[in-house]
Amino acid sequence: MLEILAIIYLCKKNGSIAEKKGYPPGRYKAFTALLWIGGEIGGGIFALILTSGSDDARGLAYLFALIGAVVGACLSRLMVNRLPTVPALQTEVFD
């Protein structure tokens, strides 16, 4: 449950940063959620591969899944923070 709240908070924050820089926020919100979930799944699979046949595989898989989620969240935040600011469009008035 806390992970869902963390994803929602991070998506809102990254979306607002992207919007301030002139980018559409929806794309970066989706990207944030995908990186979080992908990191979680990847970390879990990596731990299961490392501990194949072990009795403690579940606990280690959960730990690696959480680490993967944090890495995905950090990557999404880093990518949004490094976006260049889009210059505002200038409109010319013709008389």
N, C-alpha and C. Protein backbone atom coordinates (compact mmCIF):
# COMPACT_ATOMS: atom_id res chain seq x y z
N MET A 1 0.82 -1.19 0.00
CA MET A 1 0.00 0.00 0.00
C MET A 1 0.87 1.26 0.00
N LEU A 2 1.94 1.23 0.76
CA LEU A 2 2.83 2.39 0.79
C LEU A 2 3.53 2.61 -0.55
N GLU A 3 3.77 1.52 -1.26
CA GLU A 3 4.41 1.66 -2.57
C GLU A 3 3.48 2.39 -3.54
N ILE A 4 2.20 2.11 -3.48
CA ILE A 4 1.24 2.78 -4.35
C ILE A 4 1.21 4.27 -4.05
N LEU A 5 1.22 4.61 -2.77
CA LEU A 5 1.23 6.03 -2.39
C LEU A 5 2.52 6.71 -2.84
N ALA A 6 3.63 5.98 -2.76
CA ALA A 6 4.91 6.54 -3.19
C ALA A 6 4.93 6.76 -4.70
N ILE A 7 4.36 5.83 -5.47
CA ILE A 7 4.29 5.99 -6.92
C ILE A 7 3.42 7.19 -7.28
N ILE A 8 2.28 7.33 -6.62
CA ILE A 8 1.37 8.45 -6.89
C ILE A 8 2.07 9.77 -6.58
N TYR A 9 2.73 9.86 -5.45
CA TYR A 9 3.42 11.08 -5.07
C TYR A 9 4.53 11.41 -6.07
N LEU A 10 5.33 10.42 -6.43
CA LEU A 10 6.43 10.65 -7.35
C LEU A 10 5.94 11.03 -8.74
N CYS A 11 4.86 10.40 -9.19
CA CYS A 11 4.29 10.75 -10.49
C CYS A 11 3.80 12.20 -10.51
N LYS A 12 3.13 12.61 -9.45
CA LYS A 12 2.65 14.00 -9.39
C LYS A 12 3.83 14.97 -9.38
N LYS A 13 4.84 14.67 -8.61
CA LYS A 13 6.00 15.55 -8.50
C LYS A 13 6.76 15.64 -9.83
N ASN A 14 7.02 14.49 -10.46
CA ASN A 14 7.73 14.50 -11.73
C ASN A 14 6.89 15.17 -12.83
N GLY A 15 5.58 14.97 -12.78
CA GLY A 15 4.71 15.62 -13.75
C GLY A 15 4.72 17.13 -13.61
N SER A 16 4.74 17.62 -12.37
CA SER A 16 4.77 19.07 -12.18
C SER A 16 6.12 19.67 -12.59
N ILE A 17 7.20 18.94 -12.37
CA ILE A 17 8.52 19.41 -12.81
C ILE A 17 8.57 19.48 -14.33
N ALA A 18 8.07 18.44 -14.99
CA ALA A 18 8.06 18.42 -16.46
C ALA A 18 7.18 19.54 -17.01
N GLU A 19 6.05 19.79 -16.37
CA GLU A 19 5.14 20.83 -16.83
C GLU A 19 5.77 22.22 -16.68
N LYS A 20 6.48 22.44 -15.58
CA LYS A 20 7.17 23.72 -15.38
C LYS A 20 8.24 23.96 -16.44
N LYS A 21 8.81 22.86 -16.94
CA LYS A 21 9.86 22.99 -17.95
C LYS A 21 9.29 23.03 -19.36
N GLY A 22 7.97 22.93 -19.50
CA GLY A 22 7.33 23.05 -20.80
C GLY A 22 7.05 21.75 -21.52
N TYR A 23 7.05 20.64 -20.82
CA TYR A 23 6.79 19.33 -21.42
C TYR A 23 5.43 18.81 -20.96
N PRO A 24 4.83 17.91 -21.74
CA PRO A 24 3.56 17.33 -21.30
C PRO A 24 3.77 16.41 -20.09
N PRO A 25 3.02 16.62 -19.01
CA PRO A 25 3.29 15.85 -17.78
C PRO A 25 2.87 14.39 -17.86
N GLY A 26 1.87 14.06 -18.68
CA GLY A 26 1.37 12.69 -18.72
C GLY A 26 2.41 11.67 -19.13
N ARG A 27 3.22 12.04 -20.10
CA ARG A 27 4.26 11.14 -20.59
C ARG A 27 5.27 10.82 -19.49
N TYR A 28 5.63 11.81 -18.72
CA TYR A 28 6.64 11.60 -17.68
C TYR A 28 6.05 10.93 -16.44
N LYS A 29 4.77 11.10 -16.21
CA LYS A 29 4.11 10.36 -15.13
C LYS A 29 4.08 8.88 -15.47
N ALA A 30 3.72 8.55 -16.70
CA ALA A 30 3.69 7.15 -17.12
C ALA A 30 5.09 6.55 -17.10
N PHE A 31 6.06 7.32 -17.54
CA PHE A 31 7.45 6.86 -17.54
C PHE A 31 7.94 6.57 -16.13
N THR A 32 7.54 7.41 -15.18
CA THR A 32 7.92 7.21 -13.78
C THR A 32 7.35 5.90 -13.25
N ALA A 33 6.06 5.67 -13.50
CA ALA A 33 5.42 4.44 -13.02
C ALA A 33 6.04 3.21 -13.68
N LEU A 34 6.33 3.30 -14.97
CA LEU A 34 6.94 2.16 -15.66
C LEU A 34 8.35 1.86 -15.15
N LEU A 35 9.12 2.89 -14.88
CA LEU A 35 10.47 2.67 -14.34
C LEU A 35 10.40 2.05 -12.94
N TRP A 36 9.46 2.51 -12.12
CA TRP A 36 9.31 1.96 -10.77
C TRP A 36 8.96 0.48 -10.86
N ILE A 37 7.91 0.16 -11.61
CA ILE A 37 7.44 -1.23 -11.69
C ILE A 37 8.47 -2.11 -12.40
N GLY A 38 9.09 -1.58 -13.45
CA GLY A 38 10.12 -2.35 -14.15
C GLY A 38 11.33 -2.63 -13.27
N GLY A 39 11.73 -1.64 -12.48
CA GLY A 39 12.83 -1.85 -11.56
C GLY A 39 12.49 -2.87 -10.49
N GLU A 40 11.26 -2.84 -10.04
CA GLU A 40 10.82 -3.80 -9.02
C GLU A 40 10.82 -5.22 -9.57
N ILE A 41 10.27 -5.39 -10.75
CA ILE A 41 10.23 -6.72 -11.36
C ILE A 41 11.65 -7.19 -11.70
N GLY A 42 12.43 -6.31 -12.27
CA GLY A 42 13.81 -6.67 -12.61
C GLY A 42 14.64 -7.05 -11.40
N GLY A 43 14.49 -6.30 -10.32
CA GLY A 43 15.23 -6.61 -9.09
C GLY A 43 14.82 -7.95 -8.51
N GLY A 44 13.52 -8.23 -8.54
CA GLY A 44 13.04 -9.52 -8.02
C GLY A 44 13.54 -10.68 -8.84
N ILE A 45 13.51 -10.54 -10.15
CA ILE A 45 14.00 -11.61 -11.03
C ILE A 45 15.51 -11.81 -10.84
N PHE A 46 16.24 -10.70 -10.74
CA PHE A 46 17.68 -10.79 -10.52
C PHE A 46 17.99 -11.56 -9.23
N ALA A 47 17.26 -11.27 -8.16
CA ALA A 47 17.50 -11.96 -6.89
C ALA A 47 17.14 -13.44 -6.99
N LEU A 48 16.07 -13.75 -7.70
CA LEU A 48 15.69 -15.16 -7.84
C LEU A 48 16.72 -15.93 -8.66
N ILE A 49 17.32 -15.26 -9.64
CA ILE A 49 18.37 -15.91 -10.42
C ILE A 49 19.61 -16.15 -9.55
N LEU A 50 19.94 -15.16 -8.72
CA LEU A 50 21.11 -15.31 -7.84
C LEU A 50 20.94 -16.42 -6.81
N THR A 51 19.74 -16.59 -6.31
CA THR A 51 19.51 -17.53 -5.21
C THR A 51 18.70 -18.74 -5.65
N SER A 52 18.89 -19.20 -6.86
CA SER A 52 18.10 -20.34 -7.34
C SER A 52 18.34 -21.55 -6.45
N GLY A 53 17.26 -22.12 -5.96
CA GLY A 53 17.34 -23.30 -5.12
C GLY A 53 17.51 -23.01 -3.65
N SER A 54 17.57 -21.76 -3.24
CA SER A 54 17.77 -21.42 -1.84
C SER A 54 16.42 -21.27 -1.13
N ASP A 55 16.42 -21.54 0.17
CA ASP A 55 15.19 -21.39 0.96
C ASP A 55 14.89 -19.93 1.27
N ASP A 56 15.90 -19.09 1.30
CA ASP A 56 15.72 -17.67 1.62
C ASP A 56 15.50 -16.82 0.37
N ALA A 57 15.07 -17.42 -0.70
CA ALA A 57 14.95 -16.69 -1.97
C ALA A 57 13.85 -15.64 -1.91
N ARG A 58 12.76 -15.91 -1.21
CA ARG A 58 11.65 -14.95 -1.17
C ARG A 58 12.03 -13.64 -0.50
N GLY A 59 12.67 -13.73 0.64
CA GLY A 59 13.06 -12.53 1.36
C GLY A 59 14.07 -11.70 0.60
N LEU A 60 15.03 -12.35 0.00
CA LEU A 60 16.03 -11.65 -0.78
C LEU A 60 15.42 -11.08 -2.06
N ALA A 61 14.47 -11.80 -2.65
CA ALA A 61 13.80 -11.30 -3.85
C ALA A 61 13.01 -10.04 -3.53
N TYR A 62 12.35 -10.02 -2.39
CA TYR A 62 11.59 -8.83 -2.00
C TYR A 62 12.52 -7.65 -1.74
N LEU A 63 13.64 -7.91 -1.08
CA LEU A 63 14.61 -6.86 -0.82
C LEU A 63 15.17 -6.29 -2.13
N PHE A 64 15.55 -7.16 -3.05
CA PHE A 64 16.07 -6.69 -4.33
C PHE A 64 14.99 -5.99 -5.15
N ALA A 65 13.73 -6.43 -5.01
CA ALA A 65 12.63 -5.75 -5.71
C ALA A 65 12.47 -4.33 -5.19
N LEU A 66 12.58 -4.14 -3.89
CA LEU A 66 12.50 -2.79 -3.33
C LEU A 66 13.67 -1.93 -3.78
N ILE A 67 14.85 -2.52 -3.83
CA ILE A 67 16.02 -1.78 -4.29
C ILE A 67 15.85 -1.40 -5.77
N GLY A 68 15.33 -2.31 -6.57
CA GLY A 68 15.08 -2.02 -7.97
C GLY A 68 14.05 -0.92 -8.15
N ALA A 69 13.02 -0.89 -7.30
CA ALA A 69 12.00 0.16 -7.37
C ALA A 69 12.61 1.52 -7.03
N VAL A 70 13.47 1.55 -6.04
CA VAL A 70 14.12 2.81 -5.66
C VAL A 70 15.05 3.28 -6.77
N VAL A 71 15.75 2.36 -7.39
CA VAL A 71 16.63 2.73 -8.51
C VAL A 71 15.80 3.28 -9.66
N GLY A 72 14.67 2.64 -9.97
CA GLY A 72 13.79 3.15 -11.02
C GLY A 72 13.24 4.52 -10.70
N ALA A 73 12.87 4.74 -9.45
CA ALA A 73 12.36 6.05 -9.03
C ALA A 73 13.44 7.12 -9.14
N CYS A 74 14.65 6.78 -8.72
CA CYS A 74 15.76 7.75 -8.82
C CYS A 74 16.09 8.07 -10.27
N LEU A 75 16.05 7.08 -11.14
CA LEU A 75 16.31 7.32 -12.56
C LEU A 75 15.26 8.24 -13.16
N SER A 76 14.00 8.00 -12.81
CA SER A 76 12.93 8.85 -13.37
C SER A 76 13.08 10.29 -12.88
N ARG A 77 13.41 10.46 -11.62
CA ARG A 77 13.58 11.81 -11.08
C ARG A 77 14.79 12.50 -11.70
N LEU A 78 15.86 11.76 -11.89
CA LEU A 78 17.06 12.30 -12.51
C LEU A 78 16.78 12.73 -13.95
N MET A 79 16.05 11.92 -14.69
CA MET A 79 15.74 12.24 -16.07
C MET A 79 14.86 13.48 -16.18
N VAL A 80 13.88 13.61 -15.31
CA VAL A 80 12.99 14.77 -15.35
C VAL A 80 13.74 16.03 -14.92
N ASN A 81 14.59 15.92 -13.93
CA ASN A 81 15.35 17.08 -13.48
C ASN A 81 16.35 17.56 -14.53
N ARG A 82 16.84 16.66 -15.38
CA ARG A 82 17.83 17.03 -16.38
C ARG A 82 17.21 17.49 -17.69
N LEU A 83 15.90 17.54 -17.79
CA LEU A 83 15.25 18.04 -19.01
C LEU A 83 15.57 19.51 -19.20
N PRO A 84 15.91 19.90 -20.43
CA PRO A 84 16.12 21.34 -20.66
C PRO A 84 14.77 22.05 -20.70
N THR A 85 14.78 23.31 -20.34
CA THR A 85 13.56 24.10 -20.35
C THR A 85 13.23 24.48 -21.80
N VAL A 86 11.97 24.28 -22.17
CA VAL A 86 11.52 24.63 -23.50
C VAL A 86 11.25 26.13 -23.52
N PRO A 87 11.85 26.85 -24.47
CA PRO A 87 11.58 28.29 -24.52
C PRO A 87 10.13 28.58 -24.89
N ALA A 88 9.58 29.61 -24.31
CA ALA A 88 8.18 29.96 -24.59
C ALA A 88 8.06 30.48 -26.02
N LEU A 89 6.93 30.18 -26.64
CA LEU A 89 6.70 30.66 -28.00
C LEU A 89 6.43 32.16 -27.98
N GLN A 90 7.05 32.86 -28.89
CA GLN A 90 6.83 34.30 -28.98
C GLN A 90 5.83 34.57 -30.09
N THR A 91 4.82 35.33 -29.78
CA THR A 91 3.83 35.68 -30.80
C THR A 91 4.08 37.11 -31.25
N GLU A 92 4.06 37.29 -32.53
CA GLU A 92 4.28 38.62 -33.09
C GLU A 92 2.94 39.22 -33.50
N VAL A 93 2.79 40.48 -33.26
CA VAL A 93 1.57 41.18 -33.63
C VAL A 93 1.84 41.94 -34.91
N PHE A 94 1.06 41.62 -35.92
CA PHE A 94 1.22 42.31 -37.21
C PHE A 94 0.16 43.38 -37.32
N ASP A 95 0.55 44.59 -37.64
CA ASP A 95 -0.40 45.70 -37.82
C ASP A 95 -0.61 46.00 -39.26
